[in-house]
Amino acid sequence: QDFFYIFGGVSSSSRAALELTWGFFRSEFSRIHGMVKTASPSIMDAVILNSIGGFCSAQKADEIEAFFEKNPLPLNKRKTSQLVEEVRTSAKFSERAVATDLATEKFWTDLDGLTR
């Protein structure tokens, strides 16, 4: 029942590892679902969270949403919907941040100069 911690440990280590975890989840979905389908839905929620929780692009949100449309999990629908919305919100925040001075080297250089 604690195997979802492995997903979180891997996915949180880097962007490449998050992609790897999501790829593994997709390729092994039937097997993973088979292992937890009779357990509490919260176990699958944790696996899903740890497989997609760090993404922040609209394209990835669309990809995740399409995956769960093709592979529905009625008992986890709320969690998957929440996570897709979280990915979309993170994408919008990231886009706004990149459009500001925060994304410039000058901002950080000037900030560093103020703290010295």
PDB file of N, CA and C in Angstrom:
ATOM      1  N   GLN A   1       0.796  -1.200   0.000  1.00  0.00           N
ATOM      2  CA  GLN A   1       0.000   0.000   0.000  1.00  0.00           C
ATOM      3  C   GLN A   1       0.843   1.271   0.000  1.00  0.00           C
ATOM      4  N   ASP A   2       2.096   1.180   0.360  1.00  0.00           N
ATOM      5  CA  ASP A   2       2.958   2.360   0.407  1.00  0.00           C
ATOM      6  C   ASP A   2       3.817   2.525  -0.838  1.00  0.00           C
ATOM      7  N   PHE A   3       3.551   1.739  -1.866  1.00  0.00           N
ATOM      8  CA  PHE A   3       4.415   1.783  -3.043  1.00  0.00           C
ATOM      9  C   PHE A   3       4.355   3.126  -3.764  1.00  0.00           C
ATOM     10  N   PHE A   4       3.324   3.936  -3.518  1.00  0.00           N
ATOM     11  CA  PHE A   4       3.222   5.230  -4.193  1.00  0.00           C
ATOM     12  C   PHE A   4       4.331   6.191  -3.755  1.00  0.00           C
ATOM     13  N   TYR A   5       4.961   5.930  -2.599  1.00  0.00           N
ATOM     14  CA  TYR A   5       6.066   6.784  -2.166  1.00  0.00           C
ATOM     15  C   TYR A   5       7.231   6.738  -3.151  1.00  0.00           C
ATOM     16  N   ILE A   6       7.410   5.613  -3.798  1.00  0.00           N
ATOM     17  CA  ILE A   6       8.471   5.494  -4.807  1.00  0.00           C
ATOM     18  C   ILE A   6       8.200   6.455  -5.952  1.00  0.00           C
ATOM     19  N   PHE A   7       6.937   6.545  -6.367  1.00  0.00           N
ATOM     20  CA  PHE A   7       6.576   7.476  -7.441  1.00  0.00           C
ATOM     21  C   PHE A   7       6.939   8.901  -7.036  1.00  0.00           C
ATOM     22  N   GLY A   8       6.604   9.281  -5.817  1.00  0.00           N
ATOM     23  CA  GLY A   8       6.903  10.622  -5.337  1.00  0.00           C
ATOM     24  C   GLY A   8       8.386  10.888  -5.210  1.00  0.00           C
ATOM     25  N   GLY A   9       9.123   9.904  -4.731  1.00  0.00           N
ATOM     26  CA  GLY A   9      10.568  10.069  -4.596  1.00  0.00           C
ATOM     27  C   GLY A   9      11.249  10.287  -5.931  1.00  0.00           C
ATOM     28  N   VAL A  10      10.810   9.555  -6.921  1.00  0.00           N
ATOM     29  CA  VAL A  10      11.397   9.701  -8.258  1.00  0.00           C
ATOM     30  C   VAL A  10      10.926  10.997  -8.905  1.00  0.00           C
ATOM     31  N   SER A  11       9.607  11.212  -8.945  1.00  0.00           N
ATOM     32  CA  SER A  11       9.061  12.353  -9.689  1.00  0.00           C
ATOM     33  C   SER A  11       9.517  13.700  -9.144  1.00  0.00           C
ATOM     34  N   SER A  12       9.795  13.768  -7.854  1.00  0.00           N
ATOM     35  CA  SER A  12      10.187  15.053  -7.266  1.00  0.00           C
ATOM     36  C   SER A  12      11.676  15.346  -7.399  1.00  0.00           C
ATOM     37  N   SER A  13      12.444  14.431  -7.952  1.00  0.00           N
ATOM     38  CA  SER A  13      13.887  14.642  -8.001  1.00  0.00           C
ATOM     39  C   SER A  13      14.361  15.517  -9.167  1.00  0.00           C
ATOM     40  N   SER A  14      13.600  15.586 -10.251  1.00  0.00           N
ATOM     41  CA  SER A  14      13.974  16.448 -11.376  1.00  0.00           C
ATOM     42  C   SER A  14      12.835  16.469 -12.394  1.00  0.00           C
ATOM     43  N   ARG A  15      12.924  17.401 -13.321  1.00  0.00           N
ATOM     44  CA  ARG A  15      11.917  17.471 -14.383  1.00  0.00           C
ATOM     45  C   ARG A  15      11.946  16.206 -15.231  1.00  0.00           C
ATOM     46  N   ALA A  16      13.152  15.734 -15.536  1.00  0.00           N
ATOM     47  CA  ALA A  16      13.282  14.504 -16.328  1.00  0.00           C
ATOM     48  C   ALA A  16      12.682  13.312 -15.589  1.00  0.00           C
ATOM     49  N   ALA A  17      12.873  13.287 -14.276  1.00  0.00           N
ATOM     50  CA  ALA A  17      12.326  12.187 -13.471  1.00  0.00           C
ATOM     51  C   ALA A  17      10.805  12.251 -13.406  1.00  0.00           C
ATOM     52  N   LEU A  18      10.248  13.466 -13.393  1.00  0.00           N
ATOM     53  CA  LEU A  18       8.794  13.609 -13.427  1.00  0.00           C
ATOM     54  C   LEU A  18       8.248  13.043 -14.735  1.00  0.00           C
ATOM     55  N   GLU A  19       8.908  13.374 -15.836  1.00  0.00           N
ATOM     56  CA  GLU A  19       8.502  12.829 -17.141  1.00  0.00           C
ATOM     57  C   GLU A  19       8.620  11.307 -17.146  1.00  0.00           C
ATOM     58  N   LEU A  20       9.690  10.813 -16.577  1.00  0.00           N
ATOM     59  CA  LEU A  20       9.905   9.364 -16.497  1.00  0.00           C
ATOM     60  C   LEU A  20       8.790   8.694 -15.690  1.00  0.00           C
ATOM     61  N   THR A  21       8.440   9.295 -14.568  1.00  0.00           N
ATOM     62  CA  THR A  21       7.383   8.744 -13.716  1.00  0.00           C
ATOM     63  C   THR A  21       6.044   8.746 -14.440  1.00  0.00           C
ATOM     64  N   TRP A  22       5.722   9.835 -15.112  1.00  0.00           N
ATOM     65  CA  TRP A  22       4.472   9.927 -15.852  1.00  0.00           C
ATOM     66  C   TRP A  22       4.458   8.892 -16.988  1.00  0.00           C
ATOM     67  N   GLY A  23       5.575   8.732 -17.663  1.00  0.00           N
ATOM     68  CA  GLY A  23       5.667   7.719 -18.715  1.00  0.00           C
ATOM     69  C   GLY A  23       5.477   6.313 -18.165  1.00  0.00           C
ATOM     70  N   PHE A  24       6.087   6.050 -17.023  1.00  0.00           N
ATOM     71  CA  PHE A  24       5.934   4.739 -16.386  1.00  0.00           C
ATOM     72  C   PHE A  24       4.484   4.511 -15.974  1.00  0.00           C
ATOM     73  N   PHE A  25       3.869   5.526 -15.388  1.00  0.00           N
ATOM     74  CA  PHE A  25       2.467   5.411 -14.979  1.00  0.00           C
ATOM     75  C   PHE A  25       1.594   5.053 -16.178  1.00  0.00           C
ATOM     76  N   ARG A  26       1.813   5.746 -17.296  1.00  0.00           N
ATOM     77  CA  ARG A  26       1.000   5.479 -18.491  1.00  0.00           C
ATOM     78  C   ARG A  26       1.250   4.082 -19.040  1.00  0.00           C
ATOM     79  N   SER A  27       2.512   3.706 -19.126  1.00  0.00           N
ATOM     80  CA  SER A  27       2.821   2.404 -19.730  1.00  0.00           C
ATOM     81  C   SER A  27       2.419   1.234 -18.843  1.00  0.00           C
ATOM     82  N   GLU A  28       2.404   1.442 -17.539  1.00  0.00           N
ATOM     83  CA  GLU A  28       2.066   0.377 -16.599  1.00  0.00           C
ATOM     84  C   GLU A  28       0.702   0.594 -15.940  1.00  0.00           C
ATOM     85  N   PHE A  29      -0.111   1.440 -16.541  1.00  0.00           N
ATOM     86  CA  PHE A  29      -1.383   1.811 -15.935  1.00  0.00           C
ATOM     87  C   PHE A  29      -2.243   0.601 -15.564  1.00  0.00           C
ATOM     88  N   SER A  30      -2.412  -0.317 -16.485  1.00  0.00           N
ATOM     89  CA  SER A  30      -3.266  -1.486 -16.202  1.00  0.00           C
ATOM     90  C   SER A  30      -2.737  -2.283 -15.024  1.00  0.00           C
ATOM     91  N   ARG A  31      -1.455  -2.440 -14.990  1.00  0.00           N
ATOM     92  CA  ARG A  31      -0.830  -3.201 -13.900  1.00  0.00           C
ATOM     93  C   ARG A  31      -0.973  -2.473 -12.560  1.00  0.00           C
ATOM     94  N   ILE A  32      -0.705  -1.174 -12.580  1.00  0.00           N
ATOM     95  CA  ILE A  32      -0.827  -0.368 -11.356  1.00  0.00           C
ATOM     96  C   ILE A  32      -2.275  -0.387 -10.875  1.00  0.00           C
ATOM     97  N   HIS A  33      -3.188  -0.146 -11.785  1.00  0.00           N
ATOM     98  CA  HIS A  33      -4.602  -0.140 -11.420  1.00  0.00           C
ATOM     99  C   HIS A  33      -5.021  -1.501 -10.868  1.00  0.00           C
ATOM    100  N   GLY A  34      -4.534  -2.547 -11.460  1.00  0.00           N
ATOM    101  CA  GLY A  34      -4.849  -3.887 -10.978  1.00  0.00           C
ATOM    102  C   GLY A  34      -4.383  -4.136  -9.556  1.00  0.00           C
ATOM    103  N   MET A  35      -3.260  -3.538  -9.181  1.00  0.00           N
ATOM    104  CA  MET A  35      -2.727  -3.730  -7.835  1.00  0.00           C
ATOM    105  C   MET A  35      -3.542  -2.996  -6.776  1.00  0.00           C
ATOM    106  N   VAL A  36      -4.201  -1.903  -7.155  1.00  0.00           N
ATOM    107  CA  VAL A  36      -4.871  -1.083  -6.149  1.00  0.00           C
ATOM    108  C   VAL A  36      -6.388  -0.984  -6.325  1.00  0.00           C
ATOM    109  N   LYS A  37      -6.933  -1.640  -7.320  1.00  0.00           N
ATOM    110  CA  LYS A  37      -8.359  -1.436  -7.613  1.00  0.00           C
ATOM    111  C   LYS A  37      -9.299  -1.864  -6.488  1.00  0.00           C
ATOM    112  N   THR A  38      -8.872  -2.776  -5.636  1.00  0.00           N
ATOM    113  CA  THR A  38      -9.735  -3.175  -4.526  1.00  0.00           C
ATOM    114  C   THR A  38      -9.383  -2.441  -3.232  1.00  0.00           C
ATOM    115  N   ALA A  39      -8.370  -1.617  -3.271  1.00  0.00           N
ATOM    116  CA  ALA A  39      -7.976  -0.833  -2.090  1.00  0.00           C
ATOM    117  C   ALA A  39      -8.770   0.473  -2.057  1.00  0.00           C
ATOM    118  N   SER A  40      -8.551   1.234  -1.048  1.00  0.00           N
ATOM    119  CA  SER A  40      -9.173   2.551  -0.947  1.00  0.00           C
ATOM    120  C   SER A  40      -8.777   3.398  -2.156  1.00  0.00           C
ATOM    121  N   PRO A  41      -9.705   4.161  -2.713  1.00  0.00           N
ATOM    122  CA  PRO A  41      -9.364   5.041  -3.846  1.00  0.00           C
ATOM    123  C   PRO A  41      -8.240   6.020  -3.512  1.00  0.00           C
ATOM    124  N   SER A  42      -8.035   6.284  -2.235  1.00  0.00           N
ATOM    125  CA  SER A  42      -6.983   7.223  -1.848  1.00  0.00           C
ATOM    126  C   SER A  42      -5.588   6.702  -2.232  1.00  0.00           C
ATOM    127  N   ILE A  43      -5.436   5.400  -2.347  1.00  0.00           N
ATOM    128  CA  ILE A  43      -4.136   4.842  -2.769  1.00  0.00           C
ATOM    129  C   ILE A  43      -3.862   5.235  -4.217  1.00  0.00           C
ATOM    130  N   MET A  44      -4.858   5.037  -5.086  1.00  0.00           N
ATOM    131  CA  MET A  44      -4.675   5.429  -6.488  1.00  0.00           C
ATOM    132  C   MET A  44      -4.543   6.941  -6.602  1.00  0.00           C
ATOM    133  N   ASP A  45      -5.282   7.692  -5.777  1.00  0.00           N
ATOM    134  CA  ASP A  45      -5.123   9.149  -5.762  1.00  0.00           C
ATOM    135  C   ASP A  45      -3.667   9.522  -5.504  1.00  0.00           C
ATOM    136  N   ALA A  46      -3.054   8.854  -4.544  1.00  0.00           N
ATOM    137  CA  ALA A  46      -1.657   9.148  -4.201  1.00  0.00           C
ATOM    138  C   ALA A  46      -0.718   8.795  -5.346  1.00  0.00           C
ATOM    139  N   VAL A  47      -0.985   7.685  -6.021  1.00  0.00           N
ATOM    140  CA  VAL A  47      -0.154   7.308  -7.172  1.00  0.00           C
ATOM    141  C   VAL A  47      -0.278   8.366  -8.266  1.00  0.00           C
ATOM    142  N   ILE A  48      -1.512   8.787  -8.538  1.00  0.00           N
ATOM    143  CA  ILE A  48      -1.741   9.798  -9.582  1.00  0.00           C
ATOM    144  C   ILE A  48      -1.055  11.104  -9.205  1.00  0.00           C
ATOM    145  N   LEU A  49      -1.265  11.556  -7.976  1.00  0.00           N
ATOM    146  CA  LEU A  49      -0.644  12.795  -7.509  1.00  0.00           C
ATOM    147  C   LEU A  49       0.868  12.751  -7.682  1.00  0.00           C
ATOM    148  N   ASN A  50       1.474  11.653  -7.286  1.00  0.00           N
ATOM    149  CA  ASN A  50       2.929  11.538  -7.354  1.00  0.00           C
ATOM    150  C   ASN A  50       3.438  11.312  -8.770  1.00  0.00           C
ATOM    151  N   SER A  51       2.546  11.043  -9.700  1.00  0.00           N
ATOM    152  CA  SER A  51       2.948  10.841 -11.094  1.00  0.00           C
ATOM    153  C   SER A  51       2.789  12.095 -11.940  1.00  0.00           C
ATOM    154  N   ILE A  52       1.918  13.025 -11.528  1.00  0.00           N
ATOM    155  CA  ILE A  52       1.660  14.202 -12.369  1.00  0.00           C
ATOM    156  C   ILE A  52       1.707  15.519 -11.607  1.00  0.00           C
ATOM    157  N   GLY A  53       1.902  15.480 -10.306  1.00  0.00           N
ATOM    158  CA  GLY A  53       1.773  16.670  -9.484  1.00  0.00           C
ATOM    159  C   GLY A  53       2.710  17.814  -9.755  1.00  0.00           C
ATOM    160  N   GLY A  54       3.789  17.613 -10.449  1.00  0.00           N
ATOM    161  CA  GLY A  54       4.746  18.693 -10.654  1.00  0.00           C
ATOM    162  C   GLY A  54       4.700  19.376 -12.001  1.00  0.00           C
ATOM    163  N   PHE A  55       3.786  18.972 -12.861  1.00  0.00           N
ATOM    164  CA  PHE A  55       3.730  19.578 -14.193  1.00  0.00           C
ATOM    165  C   PHE A  55       3.127  20.969 -14.142  1.00  0.00           C
ATOM    166  N   CYS A  56       3.524  21.816 -15.102  1.00  0.00           N
ATOM    167  CA  CYS A  56       2.969  23.173 -15.144  1.00  0.00           C
ATOM    168  C   CYS A  56       2.926  23.717 -16.569  1.00  0.00           C
ATOM    169  N   SER A  57       2.295  22.971 -17.461  1.00  0.00           N
ATOM    170  CA  SER A  57       2.072  23.492 -18.809  1.00  0.00           C
ATOM    171  C   SER A  57       0.678  23.098 -19.276  1.00  0.00           C
ATOM    172  N   ALA A  58       0.088  23.967 -20.069  1.00  0.00           N
ATOM    173  CA  ALA A  58      -1.251  23.691 -20.598  1.00  0.00           C
ATOM    174  C   ALA A  58      -1.229  22.435 -21.470  1.00  0.00           C
ATOM    175  N   GLN A  59      -0.144  22.252 -22.213  1.00  0.00           N
ATOM    176  CA  GLN A  59      -0.033  21.070 -23.068  1.00  0.00           C
ATOM    177  C   GLN A  59      -0.029  19.792 -22.230  1.00  0.00           C
ATOM    178  N   LYS A  60       0.679  19.813 -21.116  1.00  0.00           N
ATOM    179  CA  LYS A  60       0.726  18.628 -20.260  1.00  0.00           C
ATOM    180  C   LYS A  60      -0.641  18.392 -19.612  1.00  0.00           C
ATOM    181  N   ALA A  61      -1.319  19.460 -19.230  1.00  0.00           N
ATOM    182  CA  ALA A  61      -2.663  19.311 -18.667  1.00  0.00           C
ATOM    183  C   ALA A  61      -3.589  18.645 -19.689  1.00  0.00           C
ATOM    184  N   ASP A  62      -3.490  19.067 -20.940  1.00  0.00           N
ATOM    185  CA  ASP A  62      -4.306  18.456 -21.997  1.00  0.00           C
ATOM    186  C   ASP A  62      -3.967  16.980 -22.164  1.00  0.00           C
ATOM    187  N   GLU A  63      -2.685  16.665 -22.117  1.00  0.00           N
ATOM    188  CA  GLU A  63      -2.229  15.276 -22.253  1.00  0.00           C
ATOM    189  C   GLU A  63      -2.759  14.408 -21.107  1.00  0.00           C
ATOM    190  N   ILE A  64      -2.671  14.925 -19.908  1.00  0.00           N
ATOM    191  CA  ILE A  64      -3.141  14.187 -18.731  1.00  0.00           C
ATOM    192  C   ILE A  64      -4.657  13.984 -18.813  1.00  0.00           C
ATOM    193  N   GLU A  65      -5.355  15.045 -19.158  1.00  0.00           N
ATOM    194  CA  GLU A  65      -6.809  14.965 -19.273  1.00  0.00           C
ATOM    195  C   GLU A  65      -7.219  13.930 -20.325  1.00  0.00           C
ATOM    196  N   ALA A  66      -6.538  13.942 -21.460  1.00  0.00           N
ATOM    197  CA  ALA A  66      -6.837  12.978 -22.524  1.00  0.00           C
ATOM    198  C   ALA A  66      -6.562  11.547 -22.059  1.00  0.00           C
ATOM    199  N   PHE A  67      -5.485  11.362 -21.296  1.00  0.00           N
ATOM    200  CA  PHE A  67      -5.167  10.020 -20.797  1.00  0.00           C
ATOM    201  C   PHE A  67      -6.300   9.487 -19.923  1.00  0.00           C
ATOM    202  N   PHE A  68      -6.784  10.323 -19.020  1.00  0.00           N
ATOM    203  CA  PHE A  68      -7.829   9.859 -18.107  1.00  0.00           C
ATOM    204  C   PHE A  68      -9.197   9.776 -18.774  1.00  0.00           C
ATOM    205  N   GLU A  69      -9.374  10.457 -19.893  1.00  0.00           N
ATOM    206  CA  GLU A  69     -10.600  10.261 -20.670  1.00  0.00           C
ATOM    207  C   GLU A  69     -10.582   8.887 -21.337  1.00  0.00           C
ATOM    208  N   LYS A  70      -9.396   8.472 -21.784  1.00  0.00           N
ATOM    209  CA  LYS A  70      -9.255   7.150 -22.409  1.00  0.00           C
ATOM    210  C   LYS A  70      -9.180   6.031 -21.370  1.00  0.00           C
ATOM    211  N   ASN A  71      -8.741   6.377 -20.174  1.00  0.00           N
ATOM    212  CA  ASN A  71      -8.568   5.409 -19.083  1.00  0.00           C
ATOM    213  C   ASN A  71      -9.305   5.918 -17.847  1.00  0.00           C
ATOM    214  N   PRO A  72     -10.624   5.921 -17.892  1.00  0.00           N
ATOM    215  CA  PRO A  72     -11.378   6.528 -16.787  1.00  0.00           C
ATOM    216  C   PRO A  72     -11.238   5.776 -15.464  1.00  0.00           C
ATOM    217  N   LEU A  73     -11.183   6.568 -14.419  1.00  0.00           N
ATOM    218  CA  LEU A  73     -11.152   6.043 -13.053  1.00  0.00           C
ATOM    219  C   LEU A  73     -12.270   6.746 -12.285  1.00  0.00           C
ATOM    220  N   PRO A  74     -13.479   6.208 -12.348  1.00  0.00           N
ATOM    221  CA  PRO A  74     -14.610   6.896 -11.716  1.00  0.00           C
ATOM    222  C   PRO A  74     -14.400   7.224 -10.237  1.00  0.00           C
ATOM    223  N   LEU A  75     -13.730   6.338  -9.507  1.00  0.00           N
ATOM    224  CA  LEU A  75     -13.514   6.585  -8.085  1.00  0.00           C
ATOM    225  C   LEU A  75     -12.440   7.644  -7.818  1.00  0.00           C
ATOM    226  N   ASN A  76     -11.696   7.996  -8.850  1.00  0.00           N
ATOM    227  CA  ASN A  76     -10.629   8.982  -8.712  1.00  0.00           C
ATOM    228  C   ASN A  76     -10.880  10.221  -9.558  1.00  0.00           C
ATOM    229  N   LYS A  77     -12.073  10.351 -10.095  1.00  0.00           N
ATOM    230  CA  LYS A  77     -12.406  11.458 -11.006  1.00  0.00           C
ATOM    231  C   LYS A  77     -12.169  12.819 -10.360  1.00  0.00           C
ATOM    232  N   ARG A  78     -12.595  12.971  -9.121  1.00  0.00           N
ATOM    233  CA  ARG A  78     -12.409  14.260  -8.452  1.00  0.00           C
ATOM    234  C   ARG A  78     -10.925  14.607  -8.362  1.00  0.00           C
ATOM    235  N   LYS A  79     -10.103  13.649  -7.955  1.00  0.00           N
ATOM    236  CA  LYS A  79      -8.667  13.903  -7.791  1.00  0.00           C
ATOM    237  C   LYS A  79      -8.021  14.226  -9.130  1.00  0.00           C
ATOM    238  N   THR A  80      -8.354  13.461 -10.168  1.00  0.00           N
ATOM    239  CA  THR A  80      -7.737  13.733 -11.478  1.00  0.00           C
ATOM    240  C   THR A  80      -8.159  15.105 -11.986  1.00  0.00           C
ATOM    241  N   SER A  81      -9.426  15.466 -11.789  1.00  0.00           N
ATOM    242  CA  SER A  81      -9.895  16.795 -12.215  1.00  0.00           C
ATOM    243  C   SER A  81      -9.171  17.897 -11.451  1.00  0.00           C
ATOM    244  N   GLN A  82      -9.015  17.713 -10.151  1.00  0.00           N
ATOM    245  CA  GLN A  82      -8.315  18.705  -9.335  1.00  0.00           C
ATOM    246  C   GLN A  82      -6.863  18.858  -9.782  1.00  0.00           C
ATOM    247  N   LEU A  83      -6.222  17.741 -10.067  1.00  0.00           N
ATOM    248  CA  LEU A  83      -4.815  17.802 -10.459  1.00  0.00           C
ATOM    249  C   LEU A  83      -4.632  18.429 -11.836  1.00  0.00           C
ATOM    250  N   VAL A  84      -5.523  18.132 -12.760  1.00  0.00           N
ATOM    251  CA  VAL A  84      -5.449  18.773 -14.083  1.00  0.00           C
ATOM    252  C   VAL A  84      -5.632  20.281 -13.926  1.00  0.00           C
ATOM    253  N   GLU A  85      -6.584  20.679 -13.097  1.00  0.00           N
ATOM    254  CA  GLU A  85      -6.788  22.105 -12.853  1.00  0.00           C
ATOM    255  C   GLU A  85      -5.567  22.735 -12.189  1.00  0.00           C
ATOM    256  N   GLU A  86      -4.930  22.016 -11.288  1.00  0.00           N
ATOM    257  CA  GLU A  86      -3.716  22.509 -10.642  1.00  0.00           C
ATOM    258  C   GLU A  86      -2.592  22.710 -11.660  1.00  0.00           C
ATOM    259  N   VAL A  87      -2.460  21.785 -12.585  1.00  0.00           N
ATOM    260  CA  VAL A  87      -1.443  21.908 -13.633  1.00  0.00           C
ATOM    261  C   VAL A  87      -1.741  23.137 -14.491  1.00  0.00           C
ATOM    262  N   ARG A  88      -2.988  23.331 -14.857  1.00  0.00           N
ATOM    263  CA  ARG A  88      -3.370  24.509 -15.655  1.00  0.00           C
ATOM    264  C   ARG A  88      -3.110  25.811 -14.889  1.00  0.00           C
ATOM    265  N   THR A  89      -3.421  25.829 -13.613  1.00  0.00           N
ATOM    266  CA  THR A  89      -3.189  27.022 -12.786  1.00  0.00           C
ATOM    267  C   THR A  89      -1.698  27.313 -12.671  1.00  0.00           C
ATOM    268  N   SER A  90      -0.912  26.278 -12.464  1.00  0.00           N
ATOM    269  CA  SER A  90       0.541  26.450 -12.392  1.00  0.00           C
ATOM    270  C   SER A  90       1.094  26.966 -13.712  1.00  0.00           C
ATOM    271  N   ALA A  91       0.544  26.487 -14.812  1.00  0.00           N
ATOM    272  CA  ALA A  91       0.989  26.942 -16.139  1.00  0.00           C
ATOM    273  C   ALA A  91       0.696  28.430 -16.311  1.00  0.00           C
ATOM    274  N   LYS A  92      -0.487  28.855 -15.921  1.00  0.00           N
ATOM    275  CA  LYS A  92      -0.853  30.270 -16.048  1.00  0.00           C
ATOM    276  C   LYS A  92       0.035  31.140 -15.165  1.00  0.00           C
ATOM    277  N   PHE A  93       0.287  30.684 -13.948  1.00  0.00           N
ATOM    278  CA  PHE A  93       1.161  31.440 -13.044  1.00  0.00           C
ATOM    279  C   PHE A  93       2.567  31.547 -13.635  1.00  0.00           C
ATOM    280  N   SER A  94       3.070  30.440 -14.138  1.00  0.00           N
ATOM    281  CA  SER A  94       4.405  30.427 -14.725  1.00  0.00           C
ATOM    282  C   SER A  94       4.495  31.373 -15.919  1.00  0.00           C
ATOM    283  N   GLU A  95       3.482  31.355 -16.765  1.00  0.00           N
ATOM    284  CA  GLU A  95       3.463  32.248 -17.924  1.00  0.00           C
ATOM    285  C   GLU A  95       3.478  33.711 -17.481  1.00  0.00           C
ATOM    286  N   ARG A  96       2.698  34.031 -16.440  1.00  0.00           N
ATOM    287  CA  ARG A  96       2.677  35.412 -15.942  1.00  0.00           C
ATOM    288  C   ARG A  96       4.029  35.791 -15.353  1.00  0.00           C
ATOM    289  N   ALA A  97       4.644  34.893 -14.615  1.00  0.00           N
ATOM    290  CA  ALA A  97       5.941  35.191 -13.991  1.00  0.00           C
ATOM    291  C   ALA A  97       7.020  35.405 -15.042  1.00  0.00           C
ATOM    292  N   VAL A  98       7.009  34.597 -16.078  1.00  0.00           N
ATOM    293  CA  VAL A  98       8.015  34.711 -17.137  1.00  0.00           C
ATOM    294  C   VAL A  98       7.865  36.029 -17.904  1.00  0.00           C
ATOM    295  N   ALA A  99       6.658  36.581 -17.913  1.00  0.00           N
ATOM    296  CA  ALA A  99       6.412  37.836 -18.617  1.00  0.00           C
ATOM    297  C   ALA A  99       6.803  39.065 -17.800  1.00  0.00           C
ATOM    298  N   THR A 100       7.331  38.883 -16.601  1.00  0.00           N
ATOM    299  CA  THR A 100       7.726  40.005 -15.748  1.00  0.00           C
ATOM    300  C   THR A 100       9.242  40.119 -15.687  1.00  0.00           C
ATOM    301  N   ASP A 101       9.690  41.107 -14.956  1.00  0.00           N
ATOM    302  CA  ASP A 101      11.128  41.299 -14.753  1.00  0.00           C
ATOM    303  C   ASP A 101      11.766  40.155 -13.973  1.00  0.00           C
ATOM    304  N   LEU A 102      10.959  39.369 -13.279  1.00  0.00           N
ATOM    305  CA  LEU A 102      11.502  38.231 -12.532  1.00  0.00           C
ATOM    306  C   LEU A 102      12.286  37.282 -13.428  1.00  0.00           C
ATOM    307  N   ALA A 103      11.957  37.266 -14.699  1.00  0.00           N
ATOM    308  CA  ALA A 103      12.600  36.340 -15.631  1.00  0.00           C
ATOM    309  C   ALA A 103      13.888  36.903 -16.227  1.00  0.00           C
ATOM    310  N   THR A 104      14.287  38.082 -15.779  1.00  0.00           N
ATOM    311  CA  THR A 104      15.499  38.690 -16.340  1.00  0.00           C
ATOM    312  C   THR A 104      16.673  38.564 -15.366  1.00  0.00           C
ATOM    313  N   GLU A 105      17.822  38.433 -15.918  1.00  0.00           N
ATOM    314  CA  GLU A 105      19.024  38.370 -15.088  1.00  0.00           C
ATOM    315  C   GLU A 105      19.232  39.683 -14.342  1.00  0.00           C
ATOM    316  N   LYS A 106      18.892  40.783 -15.001  1.00  0.00           N
ATOM    317  CA  LYS A 106      19.066  42.104 -14.393  1.00  0.00           C
ATOM    318  C   LYS A 106      18.293  42.213 -13.070  1.00  0.00           C
ATOM    319  N   PHE A 107      17.082  41.715 -13.021  1.00  0.00           N
ATOM    320  CA  PHE A 107      16.287  41.764 -11.794  1.00  0.00           C
ATOM    321  C   PHE A 107      17.051  41.117 -10.647  1.00  0.00           C
ATOM    322  N   TRP A 108      17.587  39.948 -10.882  1.00  0.00           N
ATOM    323  CA  TRP A 108      18.260  39.198  -9.823  1.00  0.00           C
ATOM    324  C   TRP A 108      19.611  39.805  -9.474  1.00  0.00           C
ATOM    325  N   THR A 109      20.282  40.367 -10.449  1.00  0.00           N
ATOM    326  CA  THR A 109      21.550  41.047 -10.185  1.00  0.00           C
ATOM    327  C   THR A 109      21.297  42.292  -9.333  1.00  0.00           C
ATOM    328  N   ASP A 110      20.294  43.068  -9.718  1.00  0.00           N
ATOM    329  CA  ASP A 110      19.958  44.266  -8.941  1.00  0.00           C
ATOM    330  C   ASP A 110      19.525  43.894  -7.527  1.00  0.00           C
ATOM    331  N   LEU A 111      18.741  42.844  -7.399  1.00  0.00           N
ATOM    332  CA  LEU A 111      18.278  42.390  -6.085  1.00  0.00           C
ATOM    333  C   LEU A 111      19.464  41.958  -5.221  1.00  0.00           C
ATOM    334  N   ASP A 112      20.390  41.248  -5.838  1.00  0.00           N
ATOM    335  CA  ASP A 112      21.572  40.817  -5.111  1.00  0.00           C
ATOM    336  C   ASP A 112      22.367  42.036  -4.642  1.00  0.00           C
ATOM    337  N   GLY A 113      22.447  43.064  -5.474  1.00  0.00           N
ATOM    338  CA  GLY A 113      23.154  44.283  -5.109  1.00  0.00           C
ATOM    339  C   GLY A 113      22.508  45.007  -3.924  1.00  0.00           C
ATOM    340  N   LEU A 114      21.199  44.902  -3.802  1.00  0.00           N
ATOM    341  CA  LEU A 114      20.503  45.549  -2.687  1.00  0.00           C
ATOM    342  C   LEU A 114      20.721  44.846  -1.361  1.00  0.00           C
ATOM    343  N   THR A 115      21.037  43.570  -1.406  1.00  0.00           N
ATOM    344  CA  THR A 115      21.172  42.810  -0.168  1.00  0.00           C
ATOM    345  C   THR A 115      22.605  42.779   0.334  1.00  0.00           C
ATOM    346  N   ARG A 116      23.488  43.376  -0.362  1.00  0.00           N
ATOM    347  CA  ARG A 116      24.904  43.367   0.073  1.00  0.00           C
ATOM    348  C   ARG A 116      25.259  44.619   0.810  1.00  0.00           C
TER     349      ARG A 116
END
